[in-house]
Amino acid sequence: MELPTIFTLNNGLTVPSVGIGTFQGESDNSKVKEAVKLALSLGYRHIDGANAYGNEKEIGEAIKKSGIPREEIFVTSKLAQTWHEPGDVERALDLSLKNLQLEYGK
């Protein structure tokens, strides 16, 4: 059985089936930044992080430094346990986008 390389979402967009997870790095997250830069240079186009990991700034910097057009990179994040109230979700998204230095849908 051949494994899929992409998954098609309900809106027709595709997400790579394999991505690099960032979890928590060391205190300054420089290794996370370097790992993301290396992964992108090796062909990864799906980066998975979370605000709770404290490394979204470094992920965003790595994406910018990669030179790869933003529309070619799929970025996912997770909603922290403390942001599960419906009124908190948009604020959490805005915070992650700010930290990642990205815009929604771009």
C-alpha atoms as a PDB file:
ATOM      1  CA  MET A   1       0.000   0.000   0.000  1.00  0.00           C
ATOM      2  CA  GLU A   2       1.341   3.391  -1.008  1.00  0.00           C
ATOM      3  CA  LEU A   3       1.071   6.121   1.626  1.00  0.00           C
ATOM      4  CA  PRO A   4      -0.363   9.499   0.583  1.00  0.00           C
ATOM      5  CA  THR A   5       2.006  12.438   0.230  1.00  0.00           C
ATOM      6  CA  ILE A   6      -0.804  14.980   0.622  1.00  0.00           C
ATOM      7  CA  PHE A   7      -4.270  15.217   2.111  1.00  0.00           C
ATOM      8  CA  THR A   8      -6.982  17.239   0.405  1.00  0.00           C
ATOM      9  CA  LEU A   9      -9.020  19.438   2.714  1.00  0.00           C
ATOM     10  CA  ASN A  10     -12.744  20.161   2.313  1.00  0.00           C
ATOM     11  CA  ASN A  11     -11.953  23.492   0.631  1.00  0.00           C
ATOM     12  CA  GLY A  12      -9.765  21.823  -2.001  1.00  0.00           C
ATOM     13  CA  LEU A  13      -6.443  22.952  -0.535  1.00  0.00           C
ATOM     14  CA  THR A  14      -3.851  20.303   0.146  1.00  0.00           C
ATOM     15  CA  VAL A  15      -1.630  19.770   3.154  1.00  0.00           C
ATOM     16  CA  PRO A  16       1.546  17.678   3.054  1.00  0.00           C
ATOM     17  CA  SER A  17       1.033  14.418   4.927  1.00  0.00           C
ATOM     18  CA  VAL A  18       4.441  14.731   6.598  1.00  0.00           C
ATOM     19  CA  GLY A  19       5.619  17.793   8.468  1.00  0.00           C
ATOM     20  CA  ILE A  20       8.243  18.786  10.968  1.00  0.00           C
ATOM     21  CA  GLY A  21       7.107  19.141  14.549  1.00  0.00           C
ATOM     22  CA  THR A  22       8.839  21.758  16.649  1.00  0.00           C
ATOM     23  CA  PHE A  23       7.809  21.008  20.255  1.00  0.00           C
ATOM     24  CA  GLN A  24      10.005  22.816  22.790  1.00  0.00           C
ATOM     25  CA  GLY A  25      13.573  23.806  22.136  1.00  0.00           C
ATOM     26  CA  GLU A  26      16.262  25.080  24.422  1.00  0.00           C
ATOM     27  CA  SER A  27      15.941  28.445  26.180  1.00  0.00           C
ATOM     28  CA  ASP A  28      16.603  30.636  23.117  1.00  0.00           C
ATOM     29  CA  ASN A  29      15.041  28.256  20.558  1.00  0.00           C
ATOM     30  CA  SER A  30      17.921  28.764  18.109  1.00  0.00           C
ATOM     31  CA  LYS A  31      18.001  25.025  17.397  1.00  0.00           C
ATOM     32  CA  VAL A  32      14.292  25.082  16.553  1.00  0.00           C
ATOM     33  CA  LYS A  33      14.939  27.902  14.100  1.00  0.00           C
ATOM     34  CA  GLU A  34      17.842  26.001  12.523  1.00  0.00           C
ATOM     35  CA  ALA A  35      15.827  22.754  12.374  1.00  0.00           C
ATOM     36  CA  VAL A  36      12.957  24.503  10.576  1.00  0.00           C
ATOM     37  CA  LYS A  37      15.352  26.180   8.130  1.00  0.00           C
ATOM     38  CA  LEU A  38      17.013  22.832   7.413  1.00  0.00           C
ATOM     39  CA  ALA A  39      13.682  21.036   7.032  1.00  0.00           C
ATOM     40  CA  LEU A  40      12.467  23.646   4.550  1.00  0.00           C
ATOM     41  CA  SER A  41      15.705  23.400   2.572  1.00  0.00           C
ATOM     42  CA  LEU A  42      15.241  19.611   2.409  1.00  0.00           C
ATOM     43  CA  GLY A  43      11.732  19.925   0.989  1.00  0.00           C
ATOM     44  CA  TYR A  44       9.442  19.931   4.014  1.00  0.00           C
ATOM     45  CA  ARG A  45       6.474  22.225   3.435  1.00  0.00           C
ATOM     46  CA  HIS A  46       4.442  21.527   6.584  1.00  0.00           C
ATOM     47  CA  ILE A  47       5.574  23.085   9.854  1.00  0.00           C
ATOM     48  CA  ASP A  48       3.713  22.199  13.057  1.00  0.00           C
ATOM     49  CA  GLY A  49       4.046  24.240  16.222  1.00  0.00           C
ATOM     50  CA  ALA A  50       2.079  25.671  19.117  1.00  0.00           C
ATOM     51  CA  ASN A  51       2.039  28.929  21.027  1.00  0.00           C
ATOM     52  CA  ALA A  52       2.571  26.948  24.230  1.00  0.00           C
ATOM     53  CA  TYR A  53       5.972  25.783  22.945  1.00  0.00           C
ATOM     54  CA  GLY A  54       7.274  29.362  23.038  1.00  0.00           C
ATOM     55  CA  ASN A  55       9.053  29.113  19.688  1.00  0.00           C
ATOM     56  CA  GLU A  56       6.647  30.614  17.163  1.00  0.00           C
ATOM     57  CA  LYS A  57       8.872  33.669  16.677  1.00  0.00           C
ATOM     58  CA  GLU A  58      11.770  31.446  15.643  1.00  0.00           C
ATOM     59  CA  ILE A  59       9.563  29.390  13.336  1.00  0.00           C
ATOM     60  CA  GLY A  60       8.412  32.579  11.615  1.00  0.00           C
ATOM     61  CA  GLU A  61      11.990  33.807  11.267  1.00  0.00           C
ATOM     62  CA  ALA A  62      13.043  30.497   9.729  1.00  0.00           C
ATOM     63  CA  ILE A  63      10.186  30.657   7.221  1.00  0.00           C
ATOM     64  CA  LYS A  64      11.170  34.199   6.210  1.00  0.00           C
ATOM     65  CA  LYS A  65      14.859  33.327   5.901  1.00  0.00           C
ATOM     66  CA  SER A  66      14.107  30.240   3.811  1.00  0.00           C
ATOM     67  CA  GLY A  67      13.155  32.334   0.785  1.00  0.00           C
ATOM     68  CA  ILE A  68      10.369  29.868   0.016  1.00  0.00           C
ATOM     69  CA  PRO A  69       7.133  31.603  -0.994  1.00  0.00           C
ATOM     70  CA  ARG A  70       4.676  31.607   1.891  1.00  0.00           C
ATOM     71  CA  GLU A  71       1.918  30.068  -0.218  1.00  0.00           C
ATOM     72  CA  GLU A  72       4.072  26.932  -0.549  1.00  0.00           C
ATOM     73  CA  ILE A  73       4.307  26.383   3.214  1.00  0.00           C
ATOM     74  CA  PHE A  74       1.510  24.949   5.354  1.00  0.00           C
ATOM     75  CA  VAL A  75       1.767  26.019   9.012  1.00  0.00           C
ATOM     76  CA  THR A  76      -0.289  24.359  11.732  1.00  0.00           C
ATOM     77  CA  SER A  77      -0.564  25.178  15.411  1.00  0.00           C
ATOM     78  CA  LYS A  78      -2.459  23.948  18.412  1.00  0.00           C
ATOM     79  CA  LEU A  79      -4.888  25.746  20.660  1.00  0.00           C
ATOM     80  CA  ALA A  80      -3.569  25.844  24.228  1.00  0.00           C
ATOM     81  CA  GLN A  81      -5.752  24.372  26.973  1.00  0.00           C
ATOM     82  CA  THR A  82      -6.278  27.851  28.422  1.00  0.00           C
ATOM     83  CA  TRP A  83      -7.750  29.206  25.144  1.00  0.00           C
ATOM     84  CA  HIS A  84     -10.675  26.810  24.614  1.00  0.00           C
ATOM     85  CA  GLU A  85     -13.500  29.255  25.345  1.00  0.00           C
ATOM     86  CA  PRO A  86     -15.142  30.284  22.047  1.00  0.00           C
ATOM     87  CA  GLY A  87     -14.314  33.946  22.684  1.00  0.00           C
ATOM     88  CA  ASP A  88     -10.620  33.124  23.100  1.00  0.00           C
ATOM     89  CA  VAL A  89     -10.031  31.307  19.830  1.00  0.00           C
ATOM     90  CA  GLU A  90      -9.676  34.359  17.578  1.00  0.00           C
ATOM     91  CA  ARG A  91      -7.358  36.065  20.084  1.00  0.00           C
ATOM     92  CA  ALA A  92      -5.220  32.911  20.222  1.00  0.00           C
ATOM     93  CA  LEU A  93      -5.042  32.811  16.421  1.00  0.00           C
ATOM     94  CA  ASP A  94      -4.096  36.486  16.273  1.00  0.00           C
ATOM     95  CA  LEU A  95      -1.360  35.945  18.867  1.00  0.00           C
ATOM     96  CA  SER A  96       0.092  32.971  16.982  1.00  0.00           C
ATOM     97  CA  LEU A  97       0.009  34.862  13.683  1.00  0.00           C
ATOM     98  CA  LYS A  98       1.765  37.818  15.317  1.00  0.00           C
ATOM     99  CA  ASN A  99       4.416  35.565  16.855  1.00  0.00           C
ATOM    100  CA  LEU A 100       4.913  33.677  13.579  1.00  0.00           C
ATOM    101  CA  GLN A 101       5.034  36.989  11.673  1.00  0.00           C
ATOM    102  CA  LEU A 102       2.433  35.617   9.262  1.00  0.00           C
ATOM    103  CA  GLU A 103      -0.934  36.717   7.965  1.00  0.00           C
ATOM    104  CA  TYR A 104      -4.040  34.554   7.918  1.00  0.00           C
ATOM    105  CA  GLY A 105      -4.370  32.683   4.628  1.00  0.00           C
ATOM    106  CA  LYS A 106      -1.045  33.918   3.311  1.00  0.00           C
END
